Amino acid sequence: MIKHSENKFKIFRLQKKWKVAVLGSGSWATALVKILTENKKKVGWYIRNNDDALKIIKDGTNPKYLNSLKLKTKRLNISCEINKIVEEADVVLVAIPSIYAYKELNTITIDVSEKIFVSAVKGVLPEKMQILGDFFHDHFQISYDQIGVIAGPCHAEEIAMEKLSYLTFSCPSTTNAKVISKWLKCKYVRVKISNDITGTEYAAMLKNCYAIAAGIAQGLGYGDNFMSVLMSNSIREMKRFINNIYKMKRNINNSAYLGDLLVTGYSSFSRNRKLGIMLGKGYNVQDSLLEMNMIAEGYYGSISAFQINQKYKSRTPILDTVYSIMYKKSNAKKAFKKLESKLD
């Protein structure tokens, strides 16, 4: 389990010269690249698909995500070779969807134990039932002081539009946190520092599941009164879940927890909410997923949360309901009718 201690021997000496890399080519990875390059950082960018990489190099836009966003290609070193990009970096930001992250990270064959790895993944690795921080530590032998988490509340689409946004950067090392958080600050992004890498990572997974629940409620025709009760129960449920896994002093009402839950549950940009709406309107799970042009992390998160909770036995009626609809083919209307009596 994570020990939040400052390891002075693992802190790099020349922090201002740290080189940074981003792994992944989705909307969140693209948004992070935008922020970093606009802060005059040179960024190594791993993009798996060669055609997408060539398109970005040629046109300065991501052909699949946030394609109206013009990128500063002169500050980018783009490659389809993950080991090349990782080897040249001191700090590696992982923004690969959780369902693909394990396979991609397993292709890293170089020693990365002295590097800083940062999770921008909003889910757990389904193959390992682990948050990324624990995987970095166990698989790559990276000290927890060299592991970070980028948490919301923040949608990539609003970063692209330069709307005022807030991030939370979590890391047990306050020194590392202060350096890297500065890279993420700009005129439209404010950053708060936390030492709760466990809680913020689990919150990022769980809020997607609760957003699906919010979408189902809307699709079924529930009103604002019910929605407010659903969301208030969701944050209490999240608190129980996280505290049973790793208890520490944390304010569940902070932006990384409650804020991220609310924006994912209510925003029109939320793909998990959209998935829930379709389920509430009567679409089956597979048809709903096919309609999505981006990955809804809550689909994978709901089974991960359910399986993880088999060990900890937290009271999670909302998560259990979402899981039953997603994986047990429960009727959404009947499942939510049962859920009504379990909320307060």
Protein backbone atom coordinates (compact mmCIF):
# COMPACT_ATOMS: atom_id res chain seq x y z
CA MET A 1 0.00 0.00 0.00
CA ILE A 2 1.13 3.55 -0.72
CA LYS A 3 3.35 5.31 1.78
CA HIS A 4 3.28 9.07 1.34
CA SER A 5 6.87 9.96 2.13
CA GLU A 6 9.38 12.32 0.57
CA ASN A 7 12.32 10.39 -0.88
CA LYS A 8 15.04 12.98 -1.35
CA PHE A 9 17.35 10.55 -3.14
CA LYS A 10 14.86 10.08 -5.97
CA ILE A 11 14.40 13.74 -6.84
CA PHE A 12 16.13 14.85 -10.01
CA ARG A 13 18.75 17.56 -9.61
CA LEU A 14 18.00 19.63 -12.69
CA GLN A 15 14.23 19.86 -12.57
CA LYS A 16 13.92 22.81 -14.94
CA LYS A 17 15.53 20.70 -17.67
CA TRP A 18 13.25 17.71 -17.23
CA LYS A 19 12.00 16.37 -20.55
CA VAL A 20 8.35 15.37 -20.78
CA ALA A 21 6.49 12.80 -22.87
CA VAL A 22 2.80 12.09 -23.43
CA LEU A 23 1.60 8.58 -24.25
CA GLY A 24 -1.73 8.38 -26.08
CA SER A 25 -3.50 10.19 -28.90
CA GLY A 26 -7.04 10.67 -27.59
CA SER A 27 -8.78 13.90 -26.65
CA TRP A 28 -7.26 14.15 -23.17
CA ALA A 29 -3.75 13.40 -24.43
CA THR A 30 -4.21 16.04 -27.13
CA ALA A 31 -5.41 18.58 -24.57
CA LEU A 32 -2.37 17.90 -22.36
CA VAL A 33 -0.06 18.32 -25.35
CA LYS A 34 -1.72 21.67 -26.07
CA ILE A 35 -1.13 22.91 -22.52
CA LEU A 36 2.47 21.70 -22.34
CA THR A 37 3.56 23.09 -25.70
CA GLU A 38 1.88 26.43 -25.03
CA ASN A 39 3.93 26.52 -21.83
CA LYS A 40 6.97 26.23 -24.10
CA LYS A 41 7.76 22.66 -23.18
CA LYS A 42 9.17 20.38 -25.85
CA VAL A 43 7.04 17.25 -25.78
CA GLY A 44 7.75 13.72 -26.90
CA TRP A 45 4.44 12.28 -28.08
CA TYR A 46 3.80 8.58 -28.53
CA ILE A 47 1.03 7.90 -31.05
CA ARG A 48 0.39 4.26 -31.87
CA ASN A 49 -1.26 4.79 -35.26
CA ASN A 50 1.27 5.79 -37.90
CA ASP A 51 -1.28 7.48 -40.16
CA ASP A 52 -2.50 9.65 -37.29
CA ALA A 53 1.09 10.56 -36.42
CA LEU A 54 1.85 11.59 -40.00
CA LYS A 55 -1.36 13.63 -40.17
CA ILE A 56 -0.46 15.58 -37.03
CA ILE A 57 3.09 16.19 -38.28
CA LYS A 58 1.81 17.37 -41.68
CA ASP A 59 -1.26 19.42 -40.70
CA GLY A 60 -0.75 20.19 -37.01
CA THR A 61 -4.13 18.72 -36.06
CA ASN A 62 -5.27 15.44 -34.56
CA PRO A 63 -7.51 13.85 -37.22
CA LYS A 64 -9.67 11.96 -34.72
CA TYR A 65 -9.89 14.08 -31.57
CA LEU A 66 -10.23 17.83 -31.02
CA ASN A 67 -9.50 18.21 -34.72
CA SER A 68 -10.21 21.95 -34.72
CA LEU A 69 -7.25 22.43 -32.38
CA LYS A 70 -4.06 23.69 -34.01
CA LEU A 71 -1.00 22.22 -32.32
CA LYS A 72 2.48 23.71 -32.02
CA THR A 73 4.27 21.01 -34.01
CA LYS A 74 7.69 22.68 -33.74
CA ARG A 75 7.68 21.73 -30.06
CA LEU A 76 6.63 18.14 -30.71
CA ASN A 77 8.69 15.01 -31.25
CA ILE A 78 6.14 12.48 -32.47
CA SER A 79 6.90 8.80 -32.79
CA CYS A 80 5.12 5.44 -33.04
CA GLU A 81 7.97 3.85 -31.04
CA ILE A 82 7.00 3.95 -27.38
CA ASN A 83 10.44 2.99 -26.06
CA LYS A 84 12.09 5.81 -28.01
CA ILE A 85 9.70 8.42 -26.58
CA VAL A 86 9.90 7.09 -23.01
CA GLU A 87 13.68 6.74 -23.05
CA GLU A 88 14.17 10.41 -23.95
CA ALA A 89 11.84 11.66 -21.19
CA ASP A 90 12.30 12.30 -17.48
CA VAL A 91 8.55 12.65 -16.88
CA VAL A 92 6.03 10.44 -18.69
CA LEU A 93 2.32 11.36 -18.78
CA VAL A 94 0.17 8.34 -19.56
CA ALA A 95 -3.14 9.29 -21.20
CA ILE A 96 -4.08 5.99 -22.84
CA PRO A 97 -7.63 4.66 -22.23
CA SER A 98 -7.58 2.11 -19.44
CA ILE A 99 -8.73 -0.74 -21.67
CA TYR A 100 -5.61 -0.32 -23.86
CA ALA A 101 -3.11 0.95 -21.28
CA TYR A 102 -1.89 -2.40 -19.95
CA LYS A 103 -1.06 -3.73 -23.41
CA GLU A 104 0.72 -0.54 -24.44
CA LEU A 105 2.69 -0.14 -21.20
CA ASN A 106 3.83 -3.75 -21.41
CA THR A 107 5.69 -2.92 -24.62
CA ILE A 108 8.05 -0.68 -22.63
CA THR A 109 11.25 -2.74 -22.32
CA ILE A 110 13.70 -0.13 -21.03
CA ASP A 111 14.48 0.61 -17.37
CA VAL A 112 12.15 3.41 -16.24
CA SER A 113 12.61 3.06 -12.48
CA GLU A 114 14.29 6.49 -12.19
CA LYS A 115 11.65 8.32 -14.21
CA ILE A 116 8.50 10.05 -13.01
CA PHE A 117 5.28 8.45 -14.31
CA VAL A 118 2.01 10.37 -14.20
CA SER A 119 -1.42 8.81 -14.70
CA ALA A 120 -3.95 10.80 -16.69
CA VAL A 121 -6.03 7.64 -17.12
CA LYS A 122 -9.55 7.77 -15.72
CA GLY A 123 -9.93 4.12 -14.89
CA VAL A 124 -8.19 1.02 -13.58
CA LEU A 125 -6.32 -1.60 -15.59
CA PRO A 126 -8.95 -4.34 -16.07
CA GLU A 127 -6.30 -7.04 -16.54
CA LYS A 128 -4.74 -6.29 -13.14
CA MET A 129 -7.60 -4.62 -11.25
CA GLN A 130 -5.08 -1.93 -10.34
CA ILE A 131 -4.97 1.83 -10.51
CA LEU A 132 -2.07 3.05 -12.63
CA GLY A 133 -0.07 4.28 -9.66
CA ASP A 134 0.09 0.80 -8.13
CA PHE A 135 0.92 -0.69 -11.53
CA PHE A 136 3.78 1.75 -12.08
CA HIS A 137 5.18 0.82 -8.68
CA ASP A 138 4.77 -2.96 -8.99
CA HIS A 139 5.60 -3.43 -12.67
CA PHE A 140 8.30 -0.81 -13.22
CA GLN A 141 9.66 -0.56 -9.64
CA ILE A 142 9.01 3.18 -9.57
CA SER A 143 9.00 4.83 -6.16
CA TYR A 144 5.64 6.29 -5.13
CA ASP A 145 7.38 9.66 -4.75
CA GLN A 146 7.94 9.50 -8.51
CA ILE A 147 4.29 8.75 -9.33
CA GLY A 148 1.66 11.40 -10.01
CA VAL A 149 -1.99 11.67 -10.98
CA ILE A 150 -3.73 14.35 -13.03
CA ALA A 151 -7.35 14.67 -11.92
CA GLY A 152 -10.24 16.93 -12.89
CA PRO A 153 -12.78 18.37 -12.97
CA CYS A 154 -11.85 19.05 -16.55
CA HIS A 155 -13.13 18.14 -20.01
CA ALA A 156 -10.65 18.08 -22.89
CA GLU A 157 -13.17 19.89 -25.09
CA GLU A 158 -13.15 22.92 -22.79
CA ILE A 159 -9.35 22.93 -22.73
CA ALA A 160 -9.46 23.11 -26.52
CA MET A 161 -11.82 26.11 -26.27
CA GLU A 162 -9.62 27.65 -23.55
CA LYS A 163 -12.48 27.87 -21.06
CA LEU A 164 -11.36 28.35 -17.46
CA SER A 165 -10.64 24.91 -16.01
CA TYR A 166 -9.24 23.45 -12.79
CA LEU A 167 -6.95 20.45 -12.36
CA THR A 168 -5.62 18.62 -9.34
CA PHE A 169 -2.11 17.21 -9.52
CA SER A 170 -1.47 14.52 -6.91
CA CYS A 171 1.97 13.28 -5.87
CA PRO A 172 3.44 12.20 -2.51
CA SER A 173 6.53 14.30 -3.28
CA THR A 174 5.63 17.96 -2.87
CA THR A 175 8.83 18.90 -4.69
CA ASN A 176 7.91 16.91 -7.78
CA ALA A 177 4.31 18.11 -7.53
CA LYS A 178 5.31 21.77 -7.52
CA VAL A 179 7.53 21.39 -10.60
CA ILE A 180 5.09 19.42 -12.74
CA SER A 181 2.00 21.40 -11.69
CA LYS A 182 3.65 24.53 -13.09
CA TRP A 183 3.75 22.88 -16.52
CA LEU A 184 -0.02 22.47 -16.40
CA LYS A 185 -0.86 26.02 -15.33
CA CYS A 186 -1.76 28.61 -17.94
CA LYS A 187 -4.17 31.48 -18.43
CA TYR A 188 -7.15 29.12 -18.65
CA VAL A 189 -6.01 26.29 -16.32
CA ARG A 190 -5.50 26.50 -12.57
CA VAL A 191 -3.87 23.64 -10.68
CA LYS A 192 -4.18 22.49 -7.08
CA ILE A 193 -1.65 20.12 -5.47
CA SER A 194 -2.64 17.02 -3.47
CA ASN A 195 -0.78 14.06 -1.97
CA ASP A 196 -3.71 11.66 -2.41
CA ILE A 197 -2.71 9.66 -5.49
CA THR A 198 -4.84 6.70 -4.39
CA GLY A 199 -8.04 8.64 -3.74
CA THR A 200 -7.84 10.83 -6.84
CA GLU A 201 -7.21 7.84 -9.10
CA TYR A 202 -10.11 5.84 -7.71
CA ALA A 203 -12.34 8.92 -7.81
CA ALA A 204 -11.51 9.35 -11.51
CA MET A 205 -12.70 5.81 -12.15
CA LEU A 206 -15.79 5.94 -9.95
CA LYS A 207 -17.17 9.26 -11.20
CA ASN A 208 -17.55 7.72 -14.67
CA CYS A 209 -19.77 4.99 -13.23
CA TYR A 210 -21.90 7.54 -11.39
CA ALA A 211 -22.16 9.60 -14.58
CA ILE A 212 -23.65 6.56 -16.31
CA ALA A 213 -26.18 6.36 -13.46
CA ALA A 214 -27.01 10.05 -13.95
CA GLY A 215 -27.49 9.49 -17.67
CA ILE A 216 -29.73 6.46 -17.09
CA ALA A 217 -31.86 8.54 -14.70
CA GLN A 218 -32.25 11.25 -17.32
CA GLY A 219 -33.04 8.73 -20.04
CA LEU A 220 -35.72 7.19 -17.81
CA GLY A 221 -37.31 10.58 -17.26
CA TYR A 222 -36.38 11.29 -13.65
CA GLY A 223 -36.33 14.96 -12.72
CA ASP A 224 -33.85 17.33 -11.11
CA ASN A 225 -35.03 16.49 -7.59
CA PHE A 226 -34.13 12.82 -8.01
CA MET A 227 -30.88 13.73 -9.77
CA SER A 228 -29.73 15.83 -6.83
CA VAL A 229 -30.38 12.92 -4.46
CA LEU A 230 -28.60 10.52 -6.80
CA MET A 231 -25.50 12.75 -6.95
CA SER A 232 -25.41 13.41 -3.20
CA ASN A 233 -25.65 9.67 -2.55
CA SER A 234 -22.95 9.07 -5.18
CA ILE A 235 -20.36 11.23 -3.41
CA ARG A 236 -21.05 9.51 -0.08
CA GLU A 237 -20.77 6.15 -1.79
CA MET A 238 -17.48 7.23 -3.38
CA LYS A 239 -16.16 8.26 0.02
CA ARG A 240 -16.99 4.87 1.55
CA PHE A 241 -15.40 3.01 -1.37
CA ILE A 242 -12.15 5.00 -1.31
CA ASN A 243 -11.80 5.09 2.47
CA ASN A 244 -12.16 1.32 2.71
CA ILE A 245 -9.29 0.90 0.24
CA TYR A 246 -6.97 3.58 1.63
CA LYS A 247 -8.00 5.74 4.54
CA MET A 248 -6.29 9.09 4.95
CA LYS A 249 -7.30 12.66 5.65
CA ARG A 250 -9.08 13.85 2.51
CA ASN A 251 -11.95 16.25 1.88
CA ILE A 252 -14.34 14.42 -0.43
CA ASN A 253 -15.98 17.76 -1.28
CA ASN A 254 -12.82 19.00 -3.02
CA SER A 255 -12.77 19.46 -6.79
CA ALA A 256 -10.86 16.24 -7.54
CA TYR A 257 -13.68 14.20 -6.01
CA LEU A 258 -17.03 16.03 -5.85
CA GLY A 259 -16.17 18.53 -8.59
CA ASP A 260 -15.14 15.83 -11.04
CA LEU A 261 -18.24 13.80 -10.16
CA LEU A 262 -20.56 16.74 -10.83
CA VAL A 263 -19.05 17.79 -14.15
CA THR A 264 -19.07 14.20 -15.42
CA GLY A 265 -22.62 13.64 -14.23
CA TYR A 266 -24.10 16.85 -15.65
CA SER A 267 -21.96 17.99 -18.60
CA SER A 268 -23.08 17.60 -22.21
CA PHE A 269 -19.45 16.69 -23.01
CA SER A 270 -19.61 13.60 -20.75
CA ARG A 271 -19.51 10.45 -22.86
CA ASN A 272 -20.42 8.35 -19.81
CA ARG A 273 -23.54 10.41 -19.24
CA LYS A 274 -24.43 10.01 -22.94
CA LEU A 275 -24.03 6.26 -22.64
CA GLY A 276 -26.34 6.25 -19.63
CA ILE A 277 -28.98 8.31 -21.43
CA MET A 278 -29.11 5.75 -24.25
CA LEU A 279 -29.45 2.91 -21.76
CA GLY A 280 -32.24 4.76 -19.99
CA LYS A 281 -34.05 5.25 -23.28
CA GLY A 282 -34.08 1.51 -23.90
CA TYR A 283 -31.00 0.87 -26.03
CA ASN A 284 -29.10 -2.28 -25.11
CA VAL A 285 -25.52 -2.01 -23.91
CA GLN A 286 -23.79 -3.17 -27.08
CA ASP A 287 -25.83 -0.92 -29.38
CA SER A 288 -25.18 2.01 -27.06
CA LEU A 289 -21.43 1.39 -27.10
CA LEU A 290 -21.44 1.18 -30.90
CA GLU A 291 -23.13 4.58 -31.06
CA MET A 292 -20.27 6.12 -29.06
CA ASN A 293 -17.44 7.53 -31.15
CA MET A 294 -15.19 7.65 -28.08
CA ILE A 295 -14.55 5.27 -25.21
CA ALA A 296 -16.89 5.51 -22.22
CA GLU A 297 -14.54 4.56 -19.38
CA GLY A 298 -17.45 3.90 -17.03
CA TYR A 299 -18.39 0.77 -18.95
CA TYR A 300 -15.10 -0.85 -17.96
CA GLY A 301 -14.96 0.98 -14.64
CA SER A 302 -18.27 -0.46 -13.46
CA ILE A 303 -17.09 -4.07 -13.60
CA SER A 304 -13.72 -3.11 -12.11
CA ALA A 305 -15.39 -1.28 -9.23
CA PHE A 306 -17.78 -4.18 -8.61
CA GLN A 307 -14.98 -6.76 -8.57
CA ILE A 308 -12.67 -4.65 -6.39
CA ASN A 309 -15.51 -4.13 -3.94
CA GLN A 310 -15.96 -7.89 -3.51
CA LYS A 311 -12.94 -7.64 -1.23
CA TYR A 312 -13.81 -4.45 0.65
CA LYS A 313 -17.61 -4.87 0.92
CA SER A 314 -18.47 -1.17 0.85
CA ARG A 315 -22.18 -0.34 0.63
CA THR A 316 -22.52 0.75 -2.99
CA PRO A 317 -26.12 0.44 -4.24
CA ILE A 318 -25.59 2.88 -7.14
CA LEU A 319 -22.46 1.12 -8.41
CA ASP A 320 -24.18 -2.24 -7.99
CA THR A 321 -27.15 -1.01 -10.03
CA VAL A 322 -24.97 0.30 -12.86
CA TYR A 323 -23.03 -2.97 -12.91
CA SER A 324 -26.22 -5.03 -13.06
CA ILE A 325 -27.52 -3.02 -16.02
CA MET A 326 -24.20 -3.07 -17.87
CA TYR A 327 -23.17 -6.69 -17.29
CA LYS A 328 -26.17 -8.63 -15.98
CA LYS A 329 -28.66 -7.31 -18.55
CA SER A 330 -30.92 -5.96 -15.83
CA ASN A 331 -33.81 -3.82 -17.04
CA ALA A 332 -32.85 -0.19 -16.37
CA LYS A 333 -36.34 0.91 -15.35
CA LYS A 334 -36.81 -1.98 -12.90
CA ALA A 335 -33.26 -1.64 -11.53
CA PHE A 336 -33.72 2.07 -10.81
CA LYS A 337 -37.10 1.41 -9.22
CA LYS A 338 -35.31 -0.85 -6.73
CA LEU A 339 -32.55 1.73 -6.29
CA GLU A 340 -35.05 4.44 -5.28
CA SER A 341 -35.60 2.86 -1.86
CA LYS A 342 -31.86 2.60 -1.19
CA LEU A 343 -31.21 6.34 -1.55
CA ASP A 344 -31.73 8.97 1.12
